[in-house]
Protein backbone atom coordinates (compact mmCIF):
# COMPACT_ATOMS: atom_id res chain seq x y z
CA MET A 1 37.09 23.59 42.26
CA SER A 2 35.24 20.75 40.74
CA THR A 3 31.36 20.90 40.73
CA GLU A 4 30.64 17.33 39.84
CA LEU A 5 27.93 15.71 41.86
CA PRO A 6 28.59 12.33 43.50
CA ALA A 7 27.07 9.32 41.91
CA SER A 8 23.92 7.81 43.08
CA THR A 9 24.11 5.16 45.74
CA ALA A 10 20.74 3.67 45.32
CA GLY A 11 20.84 0.03 44.32
CA PRO A 12 19.13 -1.37 41.23
CA ALA A 13 16.01 -2.26 43.18
CA GLU A 14 15.65 1.12 44.50
CA ALA A 15 16.38 2.76 41.20
CA GLY A 16 13.59 0.42 39.54
CA ALA A 17 11.09 1.51 42.27
CA THR A 18 11.78 5.11 41.72
CA ALA A 19 11.44 4.86 37.87
CA LEU A 20 8.17 2.84 38.41
CA SER A 21 6.79 5.21 40.92
CA ARG A 22 7.71 8.28 38.47
CA ARG A 23 5.68 6.55 35.65
CA THR A 24 2.64 5.78 38.05
CA PHE A 25 2.72 9.29 39.17
CA ILE A 26 2.83 10.76 35.73
CA ALA A 27 -0.09 8.40 34.53
CA THR A 28 -2.29 9.05 37.68
CA THR A 29 -1.46 12.75 37.37
CA ALA A 30 -2.54 12.77 33.66
CA VAL A 31 -5.78 10.93 34.21
CA GLY A 32 -6.61 12.87 37.28
CA GLY A 33 -5.99 16.15 35.44
CA VAL A 34 -8.40 15.19 32.49
CA ALA A 35 -11.09 14.16 34.97
CA ALA A 36 -10.64 17.39 37.07
CA THR A 37 -10.95 19.45 33.71
CA SER A 38 -13.90 17.44 32.45
CA GLY A 39 -15.66 17.20 35.92
CA LEU A 40 -15.80 13.51 35.71
CA PRO A 41 -14.88 11.12 38.65
CA THR A 42 -11.44 9.93 38.65
CA GLU A 43 -10.43 6.22 37.96
CA PRO A 44 -7.49 4.31 38.77
CA ALA A 45 -4.68 4.56 36.20
CA VAL A 46 -4.45 0.68 36.21
CA ALA A 47 -8.08 0.51 35.35
CA VAL A 48 -7.55 2.87 32.42
CA ALA A 49 -4.69 1.14 31.10
CA ALA A 50 -6.51 -2.36 31.19
CA THR A 51 -9.51 -0.77 29.16
CA SER A 52 -7.02 0.51 26.54
CA THR A 53 -5.51 -2.91 26.30
CA GLU A 54 -8.79 -4.49 25.80
CA VAL A 55 -9.56 -2.20 23.05
CA LEU A 56 -6.23 -2.76 21.34
CA THR A 57 -6.67 -6.58 21.21
CA GLU A 58 -10.23 -6.57 20.00
CA ALA A 59 -10.15 -8.21 16.46
CA PRO A 60 -10.69 -5.92 13.43
CA PRO A 61 -13.80 -6.31 11.37
CA THR A 62 -13.37 -8.73 8.46
CA SER A 63 -15.40 -9.50 5.38
CA ARG A 64 -15.54 -12.12 2.82
CA VAL A 65 -14.82 -11.05 -0.73
CA THR A 66 -15.05 -13.11 -3.76
CA LEU A 67 -13.42 -11.99 -7.22
CA SER A 68 -11.90 -13.01 -10.38
CA VAL A 69 -8.19 -12.39 -10.68
CA ASN A 70 -6.62 -13.17 -14.15
CA GLY A 71 -9.66 -15.59 -14.83
CA ASP A 72 -9.51 -17.44 -11.60
CA ARG A 73 -12.09 -17.15 -8.97
CA HIS A 74 -10.69 -16.45 -5.56
CA THR A 75 -12.59 -16.08 -2.14
CA ALA A 76 -10.89 -14.61 0.80
CA LEU A 77 -11.67 -13.41 4.39
CA VAL A 78 -9.77 -10.05 4.80
CA ASP A 79 -9.58 -7.30 7.25
CA ASN A 80 -11.74 -4.63 6.11
CA ARG A 81 -8.81 -2.27 5.83
CA THR A 82 -6.79 -4.50 3.47
CA SER A 83 -5.95 -2.92 0.04
CA LEU A 84 -6.30 -4.77 -3.20
CA LEU A 85 -2.50 -4.51 -3.42
CA ASP A 86 -2.02 -6.40 -0.23
CA LEU A 87 -4.71 -8.95 -1.13
CA LEU A 88 -2.86 -9.56 -4.43
CA ARG A 89 0.73 -9.68 -2.83
CA GLU A 90 0.12 -11.23 0.49
CA HIS A 91 -3.00 -13.33 0.17
CA LEU A 92 -3.03 -14.56 -3.44
CA GLY A 93 0.67 -14.83 -4.08
CA LEU A 94 0.89 -12.41 -6.99
CA PRO A 95 3.84 -10.13 -6.40
CA GLY A 96 3.98 -8.75 -9.90
CA THR A 97 1.98 -5.72 -8.91
CA LYS A 98 4.58 -3.51 -7.06
CA LYS A 99 4.22 -1.53 -3.76
CA GLY A 100 5.87 1.77 -4.54
CA CYS A 101 4.70 4.76 -2.69
CA ASP A 102 1.62 3.11 -1.25
CA ALA A 103 -0.33 6.37 -1.56
CA GLY A 104 -1.45 6.55 -5.19
CA ALA A 105 1.29 8.74 -6.29
CA CYS A 106 3.73 6.60 -8.30
CA GLY A 107 1.45 4.06 -10.32
CA ALA A 108 3.66 1.14 -9.65
CA CYS A 109 0.50 -0.92 -8.40
CA THR A 110 -1.82 -0.30 -11.41
CA VAL A 111 -4.17 -2.93 -12.37
CA LEU A 112 -7.13 -3.26 -14.35
CA ILE A 113 -10.61 -3.64 -12.53
CA ASP A 114 -13.34 -4.61 -15.13
CA GLY A 115 -11.22 -3.16 -17.73
CA ARG A 116 -10.29 0.12 -16.13
CA ARG A 117 -6.71 0.95 -14.89
CA VAL A 118 -6.77 1.66 -10.97
CA ASN A 119 -4.23 2.19 -8.15
CA ALA A 120 -4.40 -0.99 -6.29
CA CYS A 121 -2.88 0.53 -3.31
CA LEU A 122 -5.88 2.96 -2.91
CA THR A 123 -8.62 0.44 -3.56
CA LEU A 124 -10.28 -1.41 -0.73
CA ALA A 125 -10.49 -5.22 -1.33
CA VAL A 126 -13.93 -5.53 0.23
CA ARG A 127 -15.30 -3.19 -2.35
CA LEU A 128 -14.53 -5.48 -5.25
CA ASP A 129 -16.91 -8.43 -4.48
CA GLY A 130 -17.74 -9.80 -8.06
CA ALA A 131 -15.13 -7.52 -9.84
CA LYS A 132 -12.90 -8.91 -12.43
CA VAL A 133 -9.15 -7.97 -11.74
CA THR A 134 -6.27 -8.35 -14.25
CA THR A 135 -2.68 -7.96 -13.03
CA ILE A 136 0.72 -8.21 -15.05
CA GLU A 137 0.61 -11.98 -14.44
CA GLY A 138 -2.61 -12.32 -16.42
CA LEU A 139 -1.47 -10.44 -19.65
CA ALA A 140 0.36 -13.11 -21.31
CA ASP A 141 -1.25 -16.00 -23.23
CA GLY A 142 0.95 -18.92 -21.97
CA ASP A 143 4.24 -18.27 -23.43
CA ARG A 144 3.18 -15.76 -25.68
CA LEU A 145 3.58 -12.22 -24.42
CA HIS A 146 1.03 -9.33 -24.63
CA PRO A 147 1.84 -7.10 -27.49
CA LEU A 148 2.79 -4.25 -25.04
CA GLN A 149 5.05 -6.48 -22.93
CA GLN A 150 6.77 -7.42 -26.39
CA ALA A 151 6.96 -3.92 -27.28
CA PHE A 152 8.73 -2.85 -23.93
CA ILE A 153 11.37 -5.61 -24.74
CA ASP A 154 11.78 -4.49 -28.32
CA GLN A 155 12.15 -0.72 -27.29
CA ASP A 156 14.15 -1.42 -24.18
CA ALA A 157 11.52 0.55 -22.17
CA PHE A 158 13.01 -0.23 -18.69
CA GLN A 159 16.13 -0.16 -16.71
CA CYS A 160 15.60 -1.31 -13.14
CA GLY A 161 12.20 -2.77 -13.87
CA TYR A 162 10.47 -1.83 -10.69
CA CYS A 163 7.89 0.28 -12.14
CA THR A 164 7.39 -1.83 -15.39
CA PRO A 165 4.36 -3.85 -14.46
CA GLY A 166 2.41 -0.71 -13.52
CA GLN A 167 3.69 0.87 -16.66
CA ILE A 168 2.57 -1.86 -18.86
CA MET A 169 -0.94 -2.23 -17.14
CA SER A 170 -1.35 1.46 -17.45
CA GLY A 171 -0.37 1.33 -21.15
CA VAL A 172 -2.73 -1.37 -21.88
CA GLY A 173 -5.45 0.72 -20.26
CA CYS A 174 -4.25 3.77 -22.24
CA ILE A 175 -4.53 1.71 -25.44
CA LYS A 176 -7.94 0.56 -24.70
CA GLU A 177 -9.19 4.00 -23.88
CA GLY A 178 -7.92 5.30 -27.32
CA HIS A 179 -5.52 7.76 -26.00
CA THR A 180 -2.58 6.95 -28.42
CA GLY A 181 -3.07 9.61 -30.99
CA SER A 182 0.16 11.35 -30.63
CA ALA A 183 3.27 10.99 -28.55
CA ALA A 184 2.23 13.81 -26.32
CA GLU A 185 -1.24 12.38 -25.85
CA ILE A 186 0.37 9.11 -24.57
CA ARG A 187 2.72 11.08 -22.29
CA GLU A 188 -0.34 13.05 -20.77
CA TRP A 189 -2.41 9.94 -20.26
CA MET A 190 0.42 8.04 -18.93
CA SER A 191 1.64 10.78 -16.49
CA GLY A 192 0.42 9.04 -13.44
CA ASN A 193 3.17 6.49 -13.75
CA ILE A 194 6.61 7.53 -12.52
CA CYS A 195 9.82 5.97 -13.88
CA ARG A 196 12.62 6.96 -11.58
CA CYS A 197 15.14 5.67 -14.07
CA GLY A 198 13.83 8.18 -16.65
CA CYS A 199 12.79 5.75 -19.44
CA TYR A 200 9.78 7.90 -20.60
CA THR A 201 10.75 8.27 -24.23
CA LYS A 202 11.12 4.38 -24.73
CA ILE A 203 7.96 3.89 -22.92
CA VAL A 204 5.93 6.21 -25.09
CA LEU A 205 7.66 4.30 -28.15
CA ALA A 206 6.48 0.88 -26.63
CA VAL A 207 2.91 2.00 -26.22
CA GLU A 208 3.04 3.30 -29.79
CA GLN A 209 4.30 0.08 -31.04
CA ALA A 210 1.55 -1.88 -29.42
CA ALA A 211 -0.95 0.62 -30.35
CA GLY A 212 -0.07 -0.02 -34.09
CA ARG A 213 1.32 3.43 -34.54
CA LYS A 214 4.92 2.12 -35.08
């Protein structure tokens, strides 16, 4: 014998009303339960929802930041949560710095700030007022490539190329820091930059070439 229940005969309007009343009941019960637990007077669920909407629509705090990028002075009004990576890519039109993990773990977004290599995804733009930033776009001198850029070509030190800008910027920093005494030292000081294609051997050769060791 079949135990299938008969289909509901409620019309669309009645079904919508039922769903709405259930949502209203759940929201009201939740608010009432919190109020009862805390001993606070209850408020209508609609009022609570309206307050939440007002909070969400408030404009986030912004700041004006002025910095030098590849020798050019830029002033921008940015959300205080904006990273240097997003400032470069979305506000200044410099997409050479890549967004990889966006968590400081892959090195694809490496740039130089006042000569020091930094993960742009972990750096807030508002903290860089007056700083000098160098990205991959600022390394070449016109049509003349930076020695490390040329070395990457000579050594065929890339495949897909996505990590290459970060690798090159980190390599420039590594050379400036004097950490090129041996292949092992270069690997250690370049270990924050991940190459998913596995071109590490040729990357080390490129850094050695640019540092004058090859």
